[in-house]
């Protein structure tokens, strides 16, 4: 019996159909459609939204619906103007690790993204905030 997985290894090419998007704990929902990716620019190790470069503390897992390769993510990062240091190979390895982490999460999971002192990505699952109770009574 074959089991379908969300990640496939085609030689050195990894792919996924899930990605992270920014999430607001205050609003209790995703805030934007830009993918969140790890950026190592030699000065700061952080996760950022690809379309505008904003720093992201929390993200949620979404199903994209199409296959995304490491090379696709790398191209978006370069096209967005982010500096890729110290090397292209290091960045591709970092993105491969990122895809591994994302593929092991469930759609809808809220996560906190960070790097440890060794520069390795860490993704910690967070508890979703409870939605505010709306009054059933009209004002």
N, C-alpha and C. Protein backbone atom coordinates (compact mmCIF):
# COMPACT_ATOMS: atom_id res chain seq x y z
N UNK A 1 0.84 -1.17 0.00
CA UNK A 1 0.00 0.00 0.00
C UNK A 1 0.89 1.24 0.00
N UNK A 2 0.60 2.19 -0.89
CA UNK A 2 1.35 3.43 -0.96
C UNK A 2 0.65 4.51 -0.16
N UNK A 3 1.43 5.28 0.56
CA UNK A 3 0.88 6.40 1.31
C UNK A 3 1.37 7.70 0.70
N UNK A 4 0.48 8.63 0.50
CA UNK A 4 0.86 9.93 -0.05
C UNK A 4 1.47 10.77 1.06
N UNK A 5 2.49 11.52 0.72
CA UNK A 5 3.11 12.44 1.67
C UNK A 5 3.10 13.83 1.08
N UNK A 6 3.37 14.81 1.91
CA UNK A 6 3.39 16.19 1.46
C UNK A 6 4.76 16.63 1.00
N UNK A 7 5.74 15.78 1.11
CA UNK A 7 7.08 16.14 0.66
C UNK A 7 7.66 14.97 -0.10
N UNK A 8 8.33 15.28 -1.16
CA UNK A 8 8.93 14.26 -1.99
C UNK A 8 10.36 14.68 -2.27
N UNK A 9 11.23 13.71 -2.33
CA UNK A 9 12.62 13.99 -2.62
C UNK A 9 12.93 13.46 -4.01
N UNK A 10 13.16 14.35 -4.96
CA UNK A 10 13.53 13.99 -6.33
C UNK A 10 15.01 14.26 -6.47
N UNK A 11 15.83 13.31 -6.06
CA UNK A 11 17.27 13.56 -6.05
C UNK A 11 17.56 14.58 -4.97
N UNK A 12 18.02 15.77 -5.38
CA UNK A 12 18.29 16.82 -4.40
C UNK A 12 17.15 17.83 -4.35
N UNK A 13 16.11 17.63 -5.16
CA UNK A 13 15.00 18.58 -5.19
C UNK A 13 13.93 18.18 -4.18
N UNK A 14 13.62 19.09 -3.29
CA UNK A 14 12.54 18.85 -2.35
C UNK A 14 11.37 19.74 -2.73
N UNK A 15 10.17 19.26 -2.41
CA UNK A 15 8.99 20.04 -2.74
C UNK A 15 7.95 19.88 -1.66
N UNK A 16 7.00 20.78 -1.67
CA UNK A 16 5.92 20.76 -0.70
C UNK A 16 4.69 21.40 -1.32
N UNK A 17 3.56 21.20 -0.69
CA UNK A 17 2.33 21.88 -1.09
C UNK A 17 1.79 22.71 0.07
N UNK A 18 2.61 22.87 1.12
CA UNK A 18 2.25 23.69 2.27
C UNK A 18 3.30 24.77 2.45
N UNK A 19 2.87 25.93 2.92
CA UNK A 19 3.78 27.03 3.22
C UNK A 19 3.27 27.75 4.46
N UNK A 20 4.08 28.68 4.95
CA UNK A 20 3.68 29.52 6.08
C UNK A 20 3.32 30.90 5.57
N UNK A 21 2.28 31.49 6.18
CA UNK A 21 1.91 32.88 5.92
C UNK A 21 1.83 33.60 7.25
N UNK A 22 1.98 34.94 7.26
CA UNK A 22 1.93 35.70 8.52
C UNK A 22 0.62 35.48 9.27
N UNK A 23 0.72 35.48 10.61
CA UNK A 23 -0.43 35.25 11.47
C UNK A 23 -0.39 36.27 12.60
N UNK A 24 -1.54 36.87 12.89
CA UNK A 24 -1.65 37.83 13.99
C UNK A 24 -2.33 37.15 15.18
N UNK A 25 -1.61 37.06 16.29
CA UNK A 25 -2.21 36.50 17.50
C UNK A 25 -3.30 37.43 18.04
N UNK A 26 -3.13 38.74 17.87
CA UNK A 26 -4.11 39.70 18.36
C UNK A 26 -5.43 39.55 17.61
N UNK A 27 -5.35 39.35 16.28
CA UNK A 27 -6.56 39.22 15.48
C UNK A 27 -7.04 37.78 15.41
N UNK A 28 -6.16 36.84 15.70
CA UNK A 28 -6.52 35.44 15.67
C UNK A 28 -6.73 34.88 14.28
N UNK A 29 -6.00 35.45 13.30
CA UNK A 29 -6.15 34.98 11.92
C UNK A 29 -4.92 35.32 11.10
N UNK A 30 -4.85 34.71 9.93
CA UNK A 30 -3.77 35.02 8.99
C UNK A 30 -3.93 36.47 8.54
N UNK A 31 -2.81 37.16 8.40
CA UNK A 31 -2.84 38.57 7.98
C UNK A 31 -1.94 38.74 6.76
N UNK A 32 -2.41 38.36 5.65
CA UNK A 32 -1.64 38.49 4.43
C UNK A 32 -1.49 37.17 3.74
N UNK A 33 -1.08 37.25 2.50
CA UNK A 33 -0.95 36.05 1.69
C UNK A 33 0.50 35.78 1.29
N UNK A 34 1.41 36.61 1.75
CA UNK A 34 2.82 36.44 1.40
C UNK A 34 3.40 35.25 2.13
N UNK A 35 4.23 34.50 1.45
CA UNK A 35 4.90 33.39 2.10
C UNK A 35 5.94 33.91 3.08
N UNK A 36 6.11 33.19 4.17
CA UNK A 36 7.11 33.50 5.19
C UNK A 36 8.26 32.53 5.00
N UNK A 37 9.47 33.07 4.86
CA UNK A 37 10.65 32.23 4.63
C UNK A 37 11.81 32.68 5.52
N UNK A 38 12.75 31.76 5.78
CA UNK A 38 13.92 32.14 6.57
C UNK A 38 14.90 32.92 5.71
N UNK A 39 15.41 34.00 6.24
CA UNK A 39 16.40 34.81 5.53
C UNK A 39 17.63 34.93 6.41
N UNK A 40 18.76 34.60 5.85
CA UNK A 40 20.03 34.76 6.55
C UNK A 40 20.85 35.75 5.72
N UNK A 41 20.87 37.00 6.14
CA UNK A 41 21.58 38.01 5.36
C UNK A 41 22.98 38.31 5.90
N UNK A 42 23.46 37.47 6.78
CA UNK A 42 24.79 37.66 7.34
C UNK A 42 24.80 38.52 8.58
N UNK A 43 23.76 39.31 8.79
CA UNK A 43 23.66 40.16 9.97
C UNK A 43 22.57 39.63 10.89
N UNK A 44 21.41 39.35 10.31
CA UNK A 44 20.28 38.87 11.10
C UNK A 44 19.79 37.55 10.53
N UNK A 45 19.46 36.66 11.41
CA UNK A 45 18.77 35.44 11.03
C UNK A 45 17.32 35.62 11.44
N UNK A 46 16.42 35.65 10.47
CA UNK A 46 15.03 35.87 10.80
C UNK A 46 14.13 35.33 9.72
N UNK A 47 12.84 35.27 10.04
CA UNK A 47 11.84 34.91 9.06
C UNK A 47 11.14 36.19 8.62
N UNK A 48 10.91 36.31 7.33
CA UNK A 48 10.28 37.51 6.79
C UNK A 48 9.24 37.14 5.74
N UNK A 49 8.31 38.07 5.53
CA UNK A 49 7.34 37.94 4.44
C UNK A 49 8.06 38.30 3.14
N UNK A 50 7.96 37.44 2.15
CA UNK A 50 8.72 37.63 0.91
C UNK A 50 8.30 38.88 0.15
N UNK A 51 7.00 39.22 0.13
CA UNK A 51 6.57 40.33 -0.72
C UNK A 51 6.97 41.70 -0.20
N UNK A 52 7.07 41.88 1.12
CA UNK A 52 7.38 43.22 1.63
C UNK A 52 8.53 43.26 2.63
N UNK A 53 9.09 42.12 2.98
CA UNK A 53 10.25 42.09 3.88
C UNK A 53 9.94 42.33 5.34
N UNK A 54 8.66 42.35 5.71
CA UNK A 54 8.33 42.60 7.11
C UNK A 54 8.68 41.40 7.98
N UNK A 55 9.16 41.70 9.19
CA UNK A 55 9.54 40.65 10.14
C UNK A 55 8.26 39.99 10.66
N UNK A 56 8.32 38.69 10.81
CA UNK A 56 7.15 37.92 11.23
C UNK A 56 7.51 37.09 12.45
N UNK A 57 6.71 37.22 13.51
CA UNK A 57 6.93 36.43 14.72
C UNK A 57 6.11 35.15 14.71
N UNK A 58 4.88 35.22 14.17
CA UNK A 58 4.00 34.06 14.13
C UNK A 58 3.54 33.83 12.69
N UNK A 59 3.29 32.56 12.39
CA UNK A 59 2.81 32.20 11.06
C UNK A 59 1.86 31.03 11.19
N UNK A 60 1.08 30.82 10.14
CA UNK A 60 0.19 29.68 10.10
C UNK A 60 0.44 28.88 8.84
N UNK A 61 0.21 27.59 8.93
CA UNK A 61 0.44 26.69 7.80
C UNK A 61 -0.79 26.72 6.90
N UNK A 62 -0.55 26.91 5.60
CA UNK A 62 -1.63 26.89 4.62
C UNK A 62 -1.31 25.88 3.52
N UNK A 63 -2.37 25.35 2.91
CA UNK A 63 -2.22 24.47 1.77
C UNK A 63 -2.22 25.35 0.53
N UNK A 64 -1.17 25.25 -0.27
CA UNK A 64 -1.01 26.12 -1.43
C UNK A 64 -1.77 25.58 -2.64
N UNK A 65 -1.83 24.27 -2.80
CA UNK A 65 -2.56 23.68 -3.90
C UNK A 65 -1.71 23.40 -5.13
N UNK A 66 -0.48 23.85 -5.11
CA UNK A 66 0.43 23.52 -6.20
C UNK A 66 1.78 23.17 -5.60
N UNK A 67 2.55 22.46 -6.36
CA UNK A 67 3.85 22.01 -5.89
C UNK A 67 4.84 23.16 -5.90
N UNK A 68 5.53 23.33 -4.79
CA UNK A 68 6.54 24.38 -4.66
C UNK A 68 7.88 23.71 -4.38
N UNK A 69 8.86 24.02 -5.20
CA UNK A 69 10.21 23.48 -5.06
C UNK A 69 11.08 24.48 -4.30
N UNK A 70 12.18 24.00 -3.75
CA UNK A 70 13.16 24.87 -3.08
C UNK A 70 13.61 25.97 -4.05
N UNK A 71 13.81 25.61 -5.30
CA UNK A 71 14.27 26.58 -6.30
C UNK A 71 13.25 27.70 -6.51
N UNK A 72 11.95 27.39 -6.40
CA UNK A 72 10.91 28.41 -6.53
C UNK A 72 11.00 29.43 -5.39
N UNK A 73 11.20 28.93 -4.19
CA UNK A 73 11.31 29.81 -3.03
C UNK A 73 12.58 30.66 -3.15
N UNK A 74 13.68 30.03 -3.53
CA UNK A 74 14.94 30.74 -3.69
C UNK A 74 14.80 31.87 -4.72
N UNK A 75 14.14 31.59 -5.82
CA UNK A 75 13.94 32.60 -6.87
C UNK A 75 13.12 33.77 -6.34
N UNK A 76 12.07 33.50 -5.56
CA UNK A 76 11.26 34.58 -4.99
C UNK A 76 12.10 35.45 -4.05
N UNK A 77 12.98 34.82 -3.28
CA UNK A 77 13.83 35.56 -2.35
C UNK A 77 14.78 36.48 -3.12
N UNK A 78 15.39 35.95 -4.16
CA UNK A 78 16.32 36.75 -4.97
C UNK A 78 15.57 37.86 -5.70
N UNK A 79 14.41 37.53 -6.28
CA UNK A 79 13.61 38.54 -6.99
C UNK A 79 13.14 39.66 -6.06
N UNK A 80 12.92 39.33 -4.78
CA UNK A 80 12.48 40.33 -3.82
C UNK A 80 13.62 41.24 -3.38
N UNK A 81 14.85 40.89 -3.75
CA UNK A 81 15.99 41.74 -3.44
C UNK A 81 16.71 41.44 -2.16
N UNK A 82 16.41 40.32 -1.52
CA UNK A 82 17.10 39.95 -0.30
C UNK A 82 18.51 39.48 -0.63
N UNK A 83 19.48 39.88 0.19
CA UNK A 83 20.85 39.44 0.01
C UNK A 83 20.98 38.02 0.52
N UNK A 84 21.61 37.17 -0.26
CA UNK A 84 21.78 35.77 0.12
C UNK A 84 23.24 35.56 0.49
N UNK A 85 23.48 35.50 1.80
CA UNK A 85 24.82 35.29 2.32
C UNK A 85 24.79 34.19 3.34
N UNK A 86 25.83 33.52 3.64
CA UNK A 86 27.16 33.64 3.08
C UNK A 86 27.31 32.97 1.72
N UNK A 87 26.43 32.02 1.36
CA UNK A 87 26.56 31.41 0.05
C UNK A 87 25.21 30.90 -0.43
N UNK A 88 25.11 30.70 -1.72
CA UNK A 88 23.89 30.17 -2.32
C UNK A 88 23.62 28.77 -1.80
N UNK A 89 24.65 27.95 -1.70
CA UNK A 89 24.48 26.58 -1.21
C UNK A 89 23.92 26.56 0.21
N UNK A 90 24.42 27.45 1.07
CA UNK A 90 23.92 27.52 2.44
C UNK A 90 22.44 27.90 2.46
N UNK A 91 22.07 28.84 1.58
CA UNK A 91 20.68 29.28 1.52
C UNK A 91 19.77 28.15 1.03
N UNK A 92 20.21 27.44 0.01
CA UNK A 92 19.42 26.32 -0.52
C UNK A 92 19.27 25.23 0.53
N UNK A 93 20.34 24.94 1.28
CA UNK A 93 20.26 23.95 2.36
C UNK A 93 19.30 24.40 3.45
N UNK A 94 19.33 25.69 3.77
CA UNK A 94 18.43 26.25 4.76
C UNK A 94 16.98 26.12 4.30
N UNK A 95 16.72 26.40 3.03
CA UNK A 95 15.37 26.28 2.49
C UNK A 95 14.90 24.82 2.45
N UNK A 96 15.81 23.90 2.18
CA UNK A 96 15.46 22.47 2.20
C UNK A 96 15.04 22.05 3.60
N UNK A 97 15.78 22.53 4.59
CA UNK A 97 15.43 22.25 5.98
C UNK A 97 14.07 22.86 6.33
N UNK A 98 13.84 24.07 5.83
CA UNK A 98 12.57 24.76 6.05
C UNK A 98 11.41 23.95 5.47
N UNK A 99 11.56 23.44 4.27
CA UNK A 99 10.51 22.64 3.64
C UNK A 99 10.25 21.37 4.45
N UNK A 100 11.30 20.77 4.96
CA UNK A 100 11.14 19.58 5.82
C UNK A 100 10.29 19.92 7.04
N UNK A 101 10.59 21.04 7.69
CA UNK A 101 9.85 21.44 8.88
C UNK A 101 8.39 21.73 8.56
N UNK A 102 8.15 22.50 7.50
CA UNK A 102 6.78 22.88 7.13
C UNK A 102 5.96 21.66 6.73
N UNK A 103 6.57 20.74 6.02
CA UNK A 103 5.83 19.57 5.54
C UNK A 103 5.37 18.66 6.67
N UNK A 104 6.01 18.75 7.83
CA UNK A 104 5.63 17.93 8.97
C UNK A 104 4.55 18.56 9.85
N UNK A 105 4.10 19.75 9.48
CA UNK A 105 3.07 20.43 10.25
C UNK A 105 1.70 20.24 9.60
N UNK A 106 0.66 20.46 10.38
CA UNK A 106 -0.70 20.35 9.86
C UNK A 106 -1.18 21.72 9.39
N UNK A 107 -2.02 21.71 8.37
CA UNK A 107 -2.63 22.95 7.89
C UNK A 107 -3.41 23.56 9.04
N UNK A 108 -3.23 24.85 9.26
CA UNK A 108 -3.91 25.55 10.34
C UNK A 108 -3.08 25.71 11.59
N UNK A 109 -1.98 24.96 11.72
CA UNK A 109 -1.10 25.11 12.88
C UNK A 109 -0.56 26.53 12.92
N UNK A 110 -0.49 27.09 14.12
CA UNK A 110 0.13 28.39 14.32
C UNK A 110 1.50 28.12 14.94
N UNK A 111 2.53 28.75 14.37
CA UNK A 111 3.89 28.49 14.81
C UNK A 111 4.64 29.78 15.05
N UNK A 112 5.62 29.69 15.92
CA UNK A 112 6.55 30.79 16.15
C UNK A 112 7.85 30.40 15.46
N UNK A 113 8.41 31.32 14.74
CA UNK A 113 9.60 31.03 13.96
C UNK A 113 10.80 31.76 14.53
N UNK A 114 11.93 31.07 14.57
CA UNK A 114 13.16 31.67 15.09
C UNK A 114 14.35 30.83 14.65
N UNK A 115 15.52 31.29 15.03
CA UNK A 115 16.75 30.55 14.80
C UNK A 115 17.44 30.36 16.14
N UNK A 116 18.14 29.25 16.31
CA UNK A 116 18.92 29.06 17.53
C UNK A 116 20.30 29.69 17.33
N UNK A 117 21.16 29.60 18.34
CA UNK A 117 22.47 30.23 18.26
C UNK A 117 23.35 29.65 17.17
N UNK A 118 23.12 28.38 16.82
CA UNK A 118 23.90 27.74 15.76
C UNK A 118 23.38 28.09 14.37
N UNK A 119 22.30 28.88 14.32
CA UNK A 119 21.75 29.29 13.03
C UNK A 119 20.76 28.30 12.45
N UNK A 120 20.38 27.28 13.23
CA UNK A 120 19.41 26.31 12.76
C UNK A 120 18.00 26.82 13.01
N UNK A 121 17.13 26.55 12.04
CA UNK A 121 15.75 27.00 12.15
C UNK A 121 15.02 26.22 13.23
N UNK A 122 14.16 26.93 13.95
CA UNK A 122 13.31 26.31 14.95
C UNK A 122 11.89 26.78 14.71
N UNK A 123 10.98 25.84 14.67
CA UNK A 123 9.57 26.18 14.51
C UNK A 123 8.82 25.52 15.65
N UNK A 124 8.23 26.35 16.52
CA UNK A 124 7.53 25.86 17.69
C UNK A 124 6.04 26.07 17.50
N UNK A 125 5.26 25.01 17.67
CA UNK A 125 3.81 25.11 17.56
C UNK A 125 3.28 25.93 18.73
N UNK A 126 2.36 26.84 18.42
CA UNK A 126 1.77 27.71 19.42
C UNK A 126 0.29 27.40 19.58
N UNK A 127 -0.26 27.73 20.73
CA UNK A 127 -1.69 27.57 20.94
C UNK A 127 -2.41 28.74 20.28
N UNK A 128 -3.46 28.46 19.53
CA UNK A 128 -4.23 29.51 18.88
C UNK A 128 -4.99 30.29 19.94
N UNK A 129 -5.12 31.61 19.75
CA UNK A 129 -5.92 32.37 20.70
C UNK A 129 -7.39 32.00 20.56
N UNK A 130 -8.11 32.07 21.66
CA UNK A 130 -9.54 31.75 21.61
C UNK A 130 -10.28 32.94 21.01
N UNK A 131 -11.25 32.68 20.13
CA UNK A 131 -12.00 33.77 19.54
C UNK A 131 -12.84 34.49 20.60
N UNK A 132 -12.96 35.79 20.42
CA UNK A 132 -13.74 36.60 21.35
C UNK A 132 -15.22 36.20 21.22
N UNK A 133 -15.90 36.13 22.35
CA UNK A 133 -17.32 35.81 22.33
C UNK A 133 -18.10 37.04 21.88
N UNK A 134 -18.92 36.85 20.89
CA UNK A 134 -19.75 37.94 20.41
C UNK A 134 -21.09 37.90 21.16
N UNK A 135 -21.60 39.06 21.44
CA UNK A 135 -22.87 39.14 22.14
C UNK A 135 -24.00 38.72 21.22
N UNK A 136 -24.91 37.94 21.77
CA UNK A 136 -26.07 37.51 20.98
C UNK A 136 -27.17 38.57 20.99
N UNK A 137 -27.03 39.50 21.87
CA UNK A 137 -28.05 40.53 22.02
C UNK A 137 -27.72 41.73 21.17
N UNK A 138 -28.73 42.28 20.54
CA UNK A 138 -28.53 43.48 19.73
C UNK A 138 -28.44 44.69 20.65
N UNK A 139 -27.67 45.68 20.23
CA UNK A 139 -27.54 46.88 21.10
C UNK A 139 -28.81 47.67 21.21
